[in-house]
N, C-alpha and C. Protein backbone atom coordinates (compact mmCIF):
# COMPACT_ATOMS: atom_id res chain seq x y z
N MET A 1 124.69 97.76 77.96
CA MET A 1 123.34 97.34 77.60
C MET A 1 123.35 95.98 76.88
N TYR A 2 124.30 95.83 75.94
CA TYR A 2 124.36 94.56 75.19
C TYR A 2 124.64 93.39 76.12
N ALA A 3 125.70 93.50 76.93
CA ALA A 3 126.12 92.39 77.80
C ALA A 3 125.06 92.03 78.83
N ASN A 4 124.33 93.01 79.33
CA ASN A 4 123.38 92.78 80.41
C ASN A 4 121.95 92.48 79.95
N PHE A 5 121.67 92.69 78.66
CA PHE A 5 120.28 92.51 78.22
C PHE A 5 120.18 91.83 76.84
N PHE A 6 120.66 92.50 75.81
CA PHE A 6 120.48 91.99 74.44
C PHE A 6 121.22 90.68 74.18
N LYS A 7 122.35 90.49 74.82
CA LYS A 7 123.13 89.27 74.61
C LYS A 7 122.32 88.02 74.97
N ARG A 8 121.61 88.06 76.10
CA ARG A 8 120.82 86.92 76.53
C ARG A 8 119.67 86.65 75.56
N ILE A 9 119.04 87.69 75.06
CA ILE A 9 117.94 87.52 74.10
C ILE A 9 118.44 86.88 72.82
N LEU A 10 119.56 87.37 72.30
CA LEU A 10 120.15 86.81 71.08
C LEU A 10 120.57 85.36 71.30
N ASP A 11 121.16 85.08 72.46
CA ASP A 11 121.56 83.70 72.78
C ASP A 11 120.37 82.76 72.68
N PHE A 12 119.28 83.14 73.31
CA PHE A 12 118.10 82.28 73.34
C PHE A 12 117.54 82.05 71.94
N ILE A 13 117.39 83.11 71.18
CA ILE A 13 116.81 83.01 69.83
C ILE A 13 117.69 82.16 68.92
N ILE A 14 118.99 82.42 68.92
CA ILE A 14 119.90 81.68 68.04
C ILE A 14 120.00 80.22 68.45
N ALA A 15 120.07 79.95 69.75
CA ALA A 15 120.15 78.56 70.22
C ALA A 15 118.89 77.78 69.86
N LEU A 16 117.73 78.41 70.00
CA LEU A 16 116.46 77.76 69.68
C LEU A 16 116.38 77.43 68.19
N ILE A 17 116.73 78.40 67.35
CA ILE A 17 116.70 78.18 65.90
C ILE A 17 117.69 77.08 65.50
N ALA A 18 118.89 77.12 66.10
CA ALA A 18 119.91 76.12 65.78
C ALA A 18 119.45 74.71 66.14
N LEU A 19 118.84 74.56 67.32
CA LEU A 19 118.37 73.24 67.73
C LEU A 19 117.25 72.73 66.82
N LEU A 20 116.39 73.63 66.39
CA LEU A 20 115.31 73.23 65.49
C LEU A 20 115.86 72.80 64.13
N LEU A 21 116.93 73.44 63.69
CA LEU A 21 117.50 73.14 62.37
C LEU A 21 118.38 71.89 62.37
N ILE A 22 119.14 71.68 63.45
CA ILE A 22 120.11 70.58 63.44
C ILE A 22 119.76 69.46 64.41
N GLY A 23 118.56 69.50 64.97
CA GLY A 23 118.17 68.46 65.91
C GLY A 23 118.28 67.07 65.32
N TRP A 24 117.87 66.92 64.06
CA TRP A 24 117.94 65.62 63.40
C TRP A 24 119.38 65.12 63.28
N LEU A 25 120.31 66.06 63.07
CA LEU A 25 121.72 65.70 62.94
C LEU A 25 122.29 65.24 64.29
N LEU A 26 121.86 65.89 65.36
CA LEU A 26 122.32 65.51 66.69
C LEU A 26 121.85 64.10 67.04
N VAL A 27 120.65 63.73 66.59
CA VAL A 27 120.14 62.38 66.82
C VAL A 27 121.02 61.35 66.12
N ILE A 28 121.44 61.66 64.89
CA ILE A 28 122.31 60.75 64.14
C ILE A 28 123.64 60.54 64.85
N PHE A 29 124.23 61.63 65.33
CA PHE A 29 125.51 61.51 66.04
C PHE A 29 125.32 60.78 67.37
N ALA A 30 124.19 60.98 68.01
CA ALA A 30 123.92 60.29 69.28
C ALA A 30 123.88 58.77 69.06
N ILE A 31 123.23 58.34 67.98
CA ILE A 31 123.15 56.91 67.67
C ILE A 31 124.55 56.35 67.37
N TRP A 32 125.32 57.10 66.59
CA TRP A 32 126.68 56.69 66.24
C TRP A 32 127.55 56.52 67.49
N LEU A 33 127.48 57.51 68.38
CA LEU A 33 128.30 57.47 69.59
C LEU A 33 127.83 56.38 70.56
N HIS A 34 126.56 56.06 70.52
CA HIS A 34 126.04 54.99 71.38
C HIS A 34 126.80 53.70 71.13
N PHE A 35 127.03 53.40 69.86
CA PHE A 35 127.74 52.17 69.51
C PHE A 35 129.25 52.34 69.66
N ALA A 36 129.78 53.50 69.29
CA ALA A 36 131.22 53.73 69.36
C ALA A 36 131.73 53.72 70.80
N ASN A 37 130.90 54.18 71.74
CA ASN A 37 131.31 54.27 73.14
C ASN A 37 131.13 52.97 73.91
N LYS A 38 130.73 51.93 73.21
CA LYS A 38 130.61 50.59 73.81
C LYS A 38 129.69 50.58 75.04
N GLY A 39 128.57 51.25 74.92
CA GLY A 39 127.60 51.25 76.00
C GLY A 39 127.91 52.20 77.14
N ALA A 40 128.91 53.07 76.96
CA ALA A 40 129.29 54.00 78.04
C ALA A 40 128.37 55.22 78.09
N GLY A 41 127.43 55.30 77.17
CA GLY A 41 126.51 56.44 77.15
C GLY A 41 126.83 57.41 76.04
N VAL A 42 125.90 58.29 75.76
CA VAL A 42 126.02 59.25 74.66
C VAL A 42 126.38 60.64 75.15
N PHE A 43 125.85 61.01 76.31
CA PHE A 43 126.06 62.36 76.83
C PHE A 43 127.00 62.37 78.03
N PHE A 44 127.78 63.43 78.10
CA PHE A 44 128.68 63.66 79.22
C PHE A 44 128.15 64.87 79.98
N CYS A 45 127.71 64.65 81.20
CA CYS A 45 127.17 65.73 82.02
C CYS A 45 128.05 65.90 83.25
N GLN A 46 128.47 67.11 83.50
CA GLN A 46 129.37 67.37 84.63
C GLN A 46 129.14 68.77 85.18
N GLU A 47 129.25 68.90 86.49
CA GLU A 47 129.07 70.21 87.10
C GLU A 47 130.21 71.15 86.73
N ARG A 48 129.87 72.37 86.38
CA ARG A 48 130.84 73.40 86.07
C ARG A 48 130.36 74.72 86.69
N PRO A 49 131.27 75.59 87.08
CA PRO A 49 130.87 76.90 87.60
C PRO A 49 130.51 77.85 86.46
N GLY A 50 129.39 78.53 86.60
CA GLY A 50 128.96 79.49 85.59
C GLY A 50 129.14 80.92 86.07
N LYS A 51 128.22 81.78 85.67
CA LYS A 51 128.29 83.18 86.07
C LYS A 51 128.21 83.28 87.60
N ASN A 52 129.07 84.10 88.17
CA ASN A 52 129.16 84.27 89.62
C ASN A 52 129.47 82.95 90.34
N GLU A 53 130.10 82.03 89.61
CA GLU A 53 130.56 80.74 90.13
C GLU A 53 129.41 79.81 90.55
N LYS A 54 128.20 80.09 90.06
CA LYS A 54 127.06 79.23 90.34
C LYS A 54 127.20 77.94 89.54
N LEU A 55 127.09 76.78 90.20
CA LEU A 55 127.29 75.50 89.54
C LEU A 55 126.08 75.11 88.69
N PHE A 56 126.37 74.50 87.55
CA PHE A 56 125.34 73.94 86.68
C PHE A 56 125.93 72.71 86.01
N LYS A 57 125.10 71.91 85.36
CA LYS A 57 125.58 70.72 84.68
C LYS A 57 125.70 70.99 83.18
N VAL A 58 126.93 70.93 82.69
CA VAL A 58 127.18 71.15 81.27
C VAL A 58 126.87 69.85 80.52
N ILE A 59 126.33 69.97 79.32
CA ILE A 59 125.94 68.81 78.51
C ILE A 59 126.79 68.77 77.25
N LYS A 60 127.50 67.65 77.04
CA LYS A 60 128.30 67.47 75.84
C LYS A 60 128.10 66.04 75.33
N PHE A 61 128.47 65.81 74.07
CA PHE A 61 128.50 64.44 73.59
C PHE A 61 129.71 63.75 74.21
N LYS A 62 129.52 62.52 74.62
CA LYS A 62 130.60 61.74 75.21
C LYS A 62 131.47 61.17 74.10
N THR A 63 132.78 61.34 74.20
CA THR A 63 133.69 60.91 73.13
C THR A 63 134.63 59.79 73.55
N MET A 64 134.45 59.27 74.77
CA MET A 64 135.34 58.22 75.27
C MET A 64 134.56 57.03 75.80
N THR A 65 135.22 55.89 75.81
CA THR A 65 134.65 54.71 76.44
C THR A 65 134.92 54.79 77.94
N ASP A 66 134.42 53.81 78.67
CA ASP A 66 134.68 53.74 80.11
C ASP A 66 135.67 52.61 80.42
N ASP A 67 136.54 52.29 79.47
CA ASP A 67 137.49 51.20 79.65
C ASP A 67 138.41 51.45 80.84
N ARG A 68 138.65 50.41 81.62
CA ARG A 68 139.47 50.50 82.82
C ARG A 68 140.58 49.45 82.81
N ASP A 69 141.57 49.66 83.66
CA ASP A 69 142.65 48.69 83.78
C ASP A 69 142.27 47.60 84.77
N ALA A 70 143.21 46.69 85.06
CA ALA A 70 142.93 45.55 85.93
C ALA A 70 142.56 45.97 87.35
N GLU A 71 142.99 47.18 87.75
CA GLU A 71 142.70 47.66 89.10
C GLU A 71 141.42 48.49 89.17
N GLY A 72 140.74 48.63 88.03
CA GLY A 72 139.48 49.36 88.00
C GLY A 72 139.61 50.84 87.74
N ASN A 73 140.82 51.29 87.41
CA ASN A 73 141.03 52.71 87.11
C ASN A 73 140.84 52.97 85.63
N PHE A 74 140.32 54.17 85.31
CA PHE A 74 140.15 54.52 83.91
C PHE A 74 141.49 54.50 83.18
N LEU A 75 141.48 54.00 81.95
CA LEU A 75 142.68 54.04 81.12
C LEU A 75 142.95 55.50 80.73
N PRO A 76 144.17 55.84 80.30
CA PRO A 76 144.47 57.22 79.88
C PRO A 76 143.51 57.69 78.78
N ASP A 77 143.27 59.00 78.73
CA ASP A 77 142.31 59.57 77.78
C ASP A 77 142.57 59.12 76.35
N GLU A 78 143.85 59.12 75.94
CA GLU A 78 144.16 58.79 74.55
C GLU A 78 143.80 57.35 74.19
N LYS A 79 143.71 56.47 75.20
CA LYS A 79 143.34 55.08 74.94
C LYS A 79 141.82 54.89 74.96
N ARG A 80 141.10 55.80 75.58
CA ARG A 80 139.64 55.69 75.65
C ARG A 80 138.94 56.52 74.58
N LEU A 81 139.69 57.43 73.96
CA LEU A 81 139.11 58.28 72.92
C LEU A 81 138.93 57.46 71.65
N THR A 82 137.70 57.29 71.20
CA THR A 82 137.40 56.46 70.04
C THR A 82 137.62 57.23 68.73
N LYS A 83 137.63 56.50 67.62
CA LYS A 83 137.76 57.15 66.32
C LYS A 83 136.58 58.09 66.08
N ALA A 84 135.40 57.64 66.45
CA ALA A 84 134.22 58.51 66.33
C ALA A 84 134.38 59.73 67.23
N GLY A 85 134.90 59.49 68.45
CA GLY A 85 135.11 60.58 69.39
C GLY A 85 136.11 61.60 68.87
N LYS A 86 137.19 61.14 68.24
CA LYS A 86 138.19 62.04 67.68
C LYS A 86 137.57 62.94 66.61
N PHE A 87 136.72 62.34 65.77
CA PHE A 87 136.07 63.14 64.73
C PHE A 87 135.11 64.15 65.33
N VAL A 88 134.31 63.72 66.28
CA VAL A 88 133.33 64.60 66.92
C VAL A 88 134.03 65.74 67.64
N ARG A 89 135.17 65.45 68.29
CA ARG A 89 135.93 66.48 68.98
C ARG A 89 136.60 67.45 68.00
N SER A 90 137.22 66.90 66.95
CA SER A 90 137.96 67.75 66.01
C SER A 90 137.06 68.69 65.25
N THR A 91 135.79 68.32 65.11
CA THR A 91 134.83 69.17 64.42
C THR A 91 133.99 69.99 65.40
N SER A 92 134.27 69.82 66.70
CA SER A 92 133.56 70.52 67.79
C SER A 92 132.08 70.16 67.86
N ILE A 93 131.70 69.04 67.24
CA ILE A 93 130.31 68.59 67.32
C ILE A 93 129.95 68.19 68.75
N ASP A 94 130.96 67.77 69.53
CA ASP A 94 130.69 67.38 70.91
C ASP A 94 130.16 68.53 71.75
N GLU A 95 130.39 69.77 71.29
CA GLU A 95 129.95 70.95 72.03
C GLU A 95 128.47 71.31 71.78
N LEU A 96 127.90 70.80 70.70
CA LEU A 96 126.58 71.25 70.27
C LEU A 96 125.45 71.01 71.29
N PRO A 97 125.46 69.92 72.07
CA PRO A 97 124.39 69.77 73.08
C PRO A 97 124.36 70.91 74.10
N GLN A 98 125.44 71.69 74.17
CA GLN A 98 125.44 72.82 75.10
C GLN A 98 124.47 73.92 74.66
N LEU A 99 123.92 73.80 73.47
CA LEU A 99 122.85 74.72 73.07
C LEU A 99 121.68 74.62 74.04
N ILE A 100 121.50 73.44 74.63
CA ILE A 100 120.46 73.27 75.65
C ILE A 100 120.80 74.10 76.88
N ASN A 101 122.08 74.12 77.26
CA ASN A 101 122.53 74.96 78.38
C ASN A 101 122.29 76.43 78.09
N VAL A 102 122.46 76.81 76.82
CA VAL A 102 122.23 78.22 76.43
C VAL A 102 120.76 78.56 76.57
N LEU A 103 119.87 77.67 76.12
CA LEU A 103 118.44 77.90 76.26
C LEU A 103 118.05 78.06 77.73
N LYS A 104 118.64 77.25 78.60
CA LYS A 104 118.32 77.28 80.02
C LYS A 104 118.88 78.52 80.71
N GLY A 105 119.85 79.18 80.08
CA GLY A 105 120.44 80.37 80.69
C GLY A 105 121.69 80.07 81.50
N ASP A 106 122.14 78.80 81.48
CA ASP A 106 123.37 78.45 82.19
C ASP A 106 124.59 79.00 81.47
N MET A 107 124.49 79.04 80.13
CA MET A 107 125.61 79.43 79.30
C MET A 107 125.19 80.45 78.26
N SER A 108 126.20 81.02 77.61
CA SER A 108 126.00 81.91 76.47
C SER A 108 126.62 81.25 75.25
N LEU A 109 126.30 81.73 74.07
CA LEU A 109 126.98 81.22 72.88
C LEU A 109 128.47 81.57 72.94
N ILE A 110 128.78 82.78 73.40
CA ILE A 110 130.16 83.25 73.47
C ILE A 110 130.50 83.66 74.90
N GLY A 111 131.63 83.19 75.38
CA GLY A 111 132.08 83.53 76.73
C GLY A 111 133.23 82.61 77.11
N PRO A 112 133.85 82.81 78.26
CA PRO A 112 134.92 81.92 78.71
C PRO A 112 134.39 80.49 78.86
N ARG A 113 135.18 79.50 78.46
CA ARG A 113 134.73 78.12 78.56
C ARG A 113 134.54 77.73 80.03
N PRO A 114 133.47 76.97 80.35
CA PRO A 114 133.26 76.53 81.74
C PRO A 114 134.26 75.44 82.10
N LEU A 115 134.95 75.62 83.19
CA LEU A 115 135.99 74.69 83.62
C LEU A 115 135.55 73.89 84.84
N LEU A 116 136.46 73.14 85.43
CA LEU A 116 136.11 72.27 86.55
C LEU A 116 135.97 73.05 87.86
N PRO A 117 135.03 72.66 88.72
CA PRO A 117 134.84 73.35 90.00
C PRO A 117 136.09 73.33 90.89
N ARG A 118 136.88 72.27 90.78
CA ARG A 118 138.07 72.18 91.66
C ARG A 118 139.13 73.22 91.33
N TYR A 119 139.00 73.87 90.18
CA TYR A 119 139.97 74.92 89.84
C TYR A 119 139.68 76.23 90.57
N LEU A 120 138.46 76.37 91.10
CA LEU A 120 138.06 77.64 91.70
C LEU A 120 139.02 78.09 92.80
N SER A 121 139.48 77.16 93.61
CA SER A 121 140.37 77.52 94.72
C SER A 121 141.79 77.86 94.24
N LEU A 122 142.08 77.58 92.97
CA LEU A 122 143.42 77.81 92.44
C LEU A 122 143.56 79.14 91.71
N TYR A 123 142.43 79.80 91.42
CA TYR A 123 142.47 81.03 90.65
C TYR A 123 143.03 82.19 91.46
N SER A 124 143.72 83.09 90.77
CA SER A 124 144.07 84.37 91.38
C SER A 124 142.83 85.26 91.32
N HIS A 125 142.89 86.40 92.01
CA HIS A 125 141.75 87.31 92.00
C HIS A 125 141.41 87.73 90.57
N GLU A 126 142.42 88.00 89.77
CA GLU A 126 142.20 88.42 88.38
C GLU A 126 141.60 87.29 87.55
N GLN A 127 142.07 86.07 87.73
CA GLN A 127 141.57 84.94 86.97
C GLN A 127 140.10 84.64 87.30
N ARG A 128 139.70 84.90 88.54
CA ARG A 128 138.31 84.64 88.94
C ARG A 128 137.34 85.55 88.21
N ARG A 129 137.83 86.62 87.65
CA ARG A 129 136.95 87.56 86.94
C ARG A 129 136.31 86.93 85.70
N ARG A 130 136.83 85.80 85.25
CA ARG A 130 136.23 85.11 84.10
C ARG A 130 134.79 84.69 84.40
N HIS A 131 134.43 84.65 85.70
CA HIS A 131 133.07 84.25 86.10
C HIS A 131 132.11 85.43 86.25
N GLU A 132 132.54 86.60 85.80
CA GLU A 132 131.65 87.76 85.84
C GLU A 132 130.62 87.72 84.71
N VAL A 133 130.83 86.85 83.74
CA VAL A 133 129.89 86.67 82.63
C VAL A 133 129.54 85.19 82.51
N ARG A 134 128.49 84.88 81.75
CA ARG A 134 128.13 83.48 81.52
C ARG A 134 129.24 82.81 80.71
N PRO A 135 129.53 81.56 81.01
CA PRO A 135 130.49 80.82 80.18
C PRO A 135 129.90 80.57 78.80
N GLY A 136 130.75 80.30 77.82
CA GLY A 136 130.27 80.15 76.46
C GLY A 136 130.65 78.83 75.81
N ILE A 137 129.94 78.51 74.72
CA ILE A 137 130.29 77.34 73.91
C ILE A 137 131.63 77.60 73.23
N SER A 138 131.84 78.82 72.79
CA SER A 138 133.15 79.24 72.29
C SER A 138 133.49 80.56 72.94
N GLY A 139 134.75 80.95 72.85
CA GLY A 139 135.16 82.18 73.50
C GLY A 139 136.40 82.79 72.87
N TRP A 140 136.81 83.92 73.41
CA TRP A 140 137.97 84.65 72.89
C TRP A 140 139.23 83.78 72.95
N ALA A 141 139.40 83.04 74.04
CA ALA A 141 140.59 82.17 74.18
C ALA A 141 140.53 81.01 73.18
N GLN A 142 139.32 80.50 72.90
CA GLN A 142 139.21 79.38 71.97
C GLN A 142 139.60 79.76 70.55
N CYS A 143 139.41 81.03 70.20
CA CYS A 143 139.80 81.44 68.84
C CYS A 143 141.23 81.93 68.77
N HIS A 144 141.93 81.93 69.90
CA HIS A 144 143.33 82.39 69.92
C HIS A 144 144.23 81.35 70.58
N GLY A 145 144.03 80.09 70.16
CA GLY A 145 144.91 79.05 70.65
C GLY A 145 144.21 77.82 71.20
N ARG A 146 142.96 77.98 71.64
CA ARG A 146 142.17 76.85 72.14
C ARG A 146 142.95 76.05 73.17
N ASN A 147 143.19 74.76 72.93
CA ASN A 147 143.90 73.93 73.91
C ASN A 147 145.41 73.96 73.76
N ALA A 148 145.91 74.71 72.76
CA ALA A 148 147.35 74.71 72.48
C ALA A 148 148.10 75.80 73.25
N ILE A 149 147.40 76.66 73.98
CA ILE A 149 148.06 77.73 74.72
C ILE A 149 148.11 77.39 76.22
N SER A 150 148.93 78.10 76.96
CA SER A 150 149.06 77.85 78.39
C SER A 150 147.81 78.33 79.13
N TRP A 151 147.63 77.80 80.33
CA TRP A 151 146.50 78.25 81.16
C TRP A 151 146.62 79.74 81.47
N THR A 152 147.82 80.21 81.74
CA THR A 152 148.02 81.62 82.07
C THR A 152 147.53 82.51 80.94
N GLU A 153 147.91 82.16 79.71
CA GLU A 153 147.48 82.95 78.56
C GLU A 153 145.98 82.83 78.34
N ARG A 154 145.45 81.64 78.55
CA ARG A 154 144.01 81.40 78.38
C ARG A 154 143.20 82.28 79.32
N PHE A 155 143.63 82.36 80.58
CA PHE A 155 142.90 83.17 81.54
C PHE A 155 143.01 84.66 81.23
N LYS A 156 144.14 85.10 80.72
CA LYS A 156 144.29 86.49 80.31
C LYS A 156 143.31 86.84 79.20
N LEU A 157 143.16 85.93 78.26
CA LEU A 157 142.22 86.14 77.15
C LEU A 157 140.78 86.12 77.65
N ASP A 158 140.47 85.26 78.62
CA ASP A 158 139.12 85.22 79.19
C ASP A 158 138.76 86.55 79.86
N VAL A 159 139.70 87.08 80.63
CA VAL A 159 139.45 88.35 81.33
C VAL A 159 139.36 89.50 80.34
N TRP A 160 140.17 89.42 79.26
CA TRP A 160 140.07 90.44 78.21
C TRP A 160 138.65 90.46 77.65
N TYR A 161 138.08 89.28 77.44
CA TYR A 161 136.71 89.22 76.91
C TYR A 161 135.72 89.86 77.87
N VAL A 162 135.87 89.57 79.15
CA VAL A 162 134.97 90.15 80.16
C VAL A 162 134.97 91.68 80.05
N ASP A 163 136.14 92.25 79.83
CA ASP A 163 136.28 93.71 79.77
C ASP A 163 135.89 94.30 78.41
N HIS A 164 135.76 93.46 77.40
CA HIS A 164 135.48 93.95 76.04
C HIS A 164 134.27 93.26 75.41
N CYS A 165 133.38 92.75 76.24
CA CYS A 165 132.19 92.07 75.73
C CYS A 165 131.31 93.05 74.95
N SER A 166 131.05 92.72 73.69
CA SER A 166 130.21 93.56 72.83
C SER A 166 129.69 92.71 71.69
N LEU A 167 128.73 93.21 70.97
CA LEU A 167 128.19 92.50 69.81
C LEU A 167 129.29 92.29 68.78
N TRP A 168 130.12 93.30 68.56
CA TRP A 168 131.19 93.19 67.57
C TRP A 168 132.21 92.12 67.98
N THR A 169 132.55 92.07 69.26
CA THR A 169 133.49 91.06 69.74
C THR A 169 132.90 89.66 69.55
N ASP A 170 131.62 89.50 69.86
CA ASP A 170 130.98 88.19 69.70
C ASP A 170 130.93 87.77 68.24
N ILE A 171 130.69 88.70 67.34
CA ILE A 171 130.69 88.39 65.91
C ILE A 171 132.07 87.94 65.47
N ARG A 172 133.11 88.61 65.96
CA ARG A 172 134.48 88.22 65.64
C ARG A 172 134.78 86.80 66.15
N VAL A 173 134.33 86.49 67.36
CA VAL A 173 134.55 85.16 67.92
C VAL A 173 133.85 84.09 67.08
N ILE A 174 132.62 84.36 66.67
CA ILE A 174 131.87 83.40 65.84
C ILE A 174 132.61 83.14 64.53
N CYS A 175 133.07 84.20 63.88
CA CYS A 175 133.78 84.04 62.60
C CYS A 175 135.08 83.28 62.77
N LEU A 176 135.85 83.61 63.81
CA LEU A 176 137.12 82.92 64.06
C LEU A 176 136.89 81.47 64.46
N THR A 177 135.81 81.22 65.21
CA THR A 177 135.50 79.85 65.62
C THR A 177 135.19 78.98 64.42
N ILE A 178 134.38 79.49 63.51
CA ILE A 178 134.04 78.75 62.29
C ILE A 178 135.31 78.44 61.50
N LYS A 179 136.19 79.43 61.39
CA LYS A 179 137.46 79.23 60.67
C LYS A 179 138.30 78.14 61.32
N ASN A 180 138.43 78.19 62.65
CA ASN A 180 139.25 77.21 63.36
C ASN A 180 138.66 75.81 63.30
N VAL A 181 137.33 75.72 63.36
CA VAL A 181 136.68 74.41 63.28
C VAL A 181 136.92 73.80 61.90
N LEU A 182 136.78 74.60 60.85
CA LEU A 182 137.00 74.11 59.49
C LEU A 182 138.44 73.65 59.29
N LEU A 183 139.39 74.36 59.91
CA LEU A 183 140.81 74.00 59.80
C LEU A 183 141.23 72.98 60.84
N ARG A 184 140.32 72.71 61.82
CA ARG A 184 140.59 71.77 62.92
C ARG A 184 141.88 72.16 63.65
N LYS A 185 141.97 73.42 64.03
CA LYS A 185 143.17 73.95 64.68
C LYS A 185 143.12 73.80 66.19
N ASP A 186 144.29 73.51 66.79
CA ASP A 186 144.51 73.58 68.24
C ASP A 186 143.53 72.73 69.05
N ILE A 187 143.25 71.53 68.56
CA ILE A 187 142.31 70.64 69.26
C ILE A 187 142.90 70.13 70.57
N ASN A 188 144.18 69.75 70.52
CA ASN A 188 144.82 69.16 71.69
C ASN A 188 145.93 70.06 72.22
N SER A 189 146.27 69.84 73.49
CA SER A 189 147.44 70.50 74.04
C SER A 189 148.67 69.75 73.56
N SER A 190 149.85 70.28 73.84
CA SER A 190 151.08 69.64 73.38
C SER A 190 151.42 68.39 74.20
N THR A 191 150.75 68.18 75.33
CA THR A 191 151.08 67.07 76.22
C THR A 191 149.94 66.12 76.48
N SER A 192 148.78 66.35 75.89
CA SER A 192 147.62 65.54 76.23
C SER A 192 146.68 65.41 75.05
N ALA A 193 145.93 64.29 75.02
CA ALA A 193 144.93 64.10 73.97
C ALA A 193 143.75 65.02 74.18
N THR A 194 143.56 65.49 75.40
CA THR A 194 142.51 66.45 75.71
C THR A 194 143.18 67.65 76.37
N MET A 195 142.45 68.40 77.17
CA MET A 195 143.03 69.56 77.84
C MET A 195 143.79 69.12 79.08
N GLU A 196 145.02 69.60 79.23
CA GLU A 196 145.80 69.23 80.42
C GLU A 196 145.21 69.87 81.67
N GLU A 197 145.51 69.28 82.83
CA GLU A 197 144.98 69.76 84.09
C GLU A 197 145.61 71.11 84.48
N PHE A 198 144.80 71.97 85.13
CA PHE A 198 145.31 73.22 85.67
C PHE A 198 145.74 72.99 87.12
N ASN A 199 146.97 73.37 87.46
CA ASN A 199 147.47 73.16 88.82
C ASN A 199 147.72 74.44 89.58
N GLY A 200 147.30 75.56 88.99
CA GLY A 200 147.49 76.84 89.65
C GLY A 200 148.72 77.58 89.18
N TYR A 201 149.53 76.91 88.33
CA TYR A 201 150.77 77.52 87.88
C TYR A 201 150.90 77.56 86.36
N ASN A 202 150.47 76.46 85.67
CA ASN A 202 150.72 76.38 84.23
C ASN A 202 149.84 77.30 83.41
C-alpha cells in the first residue's frame, strides 16, 4: 500500500513544501553557477529511464563548463568541473532541482538513482528490476557507498530497495543521506572526478 499509493502522496507534499521553502536559495545558486560556468548554462537536463524504463528529462544544476580542446572535444570532467561546481556537488545541492521531477511524478524522493539510457541494454535481468519503482533523488545505494562502490554492488543495493520499499526504509535513507551530505562522503569514484562509466561488467 505504501509503495503503490502513500509514497507518491508524501513525495508530492514534501517536494512542494521544500521548493516553497528553499526556492530563494536555489535562485542564488543559479546566479552563482551562471557566472562560474562561463556562460555554459545553469541547468543540466538529460534523458534518463524512470519507472518501467519510461524516459524523462532529469533536471540538475550544471557544475561544469563547456570547455573543449583544439579538436572541439570536451575536456576531461576534472578539468571542466569548477570550484563552484565542486562545492555544489559535494553538498549535493546540484540534485535539488530534481524536486521539480518529483512534483511531476517522474521521480521519487527515495529510489534508485536514474542512470543513462544507454545502460539499459547492458543490464542483466536482475539489474533491470531497479526500474520497477520510480528513481529517486537519493537511494539505498547512495547511503551505502554512493560513487565509491562498484556498479555490481550498487545494482544489488538498488534491487534490495525495490524488494524492501517501505516508509521505514525511506526514513532510514533520508537520515543516512543527511549524514553523508554533512560529512561529504563518497562523492567521487576512485578513478574519476564524477561517476565512472558502466560497461556491463564493473
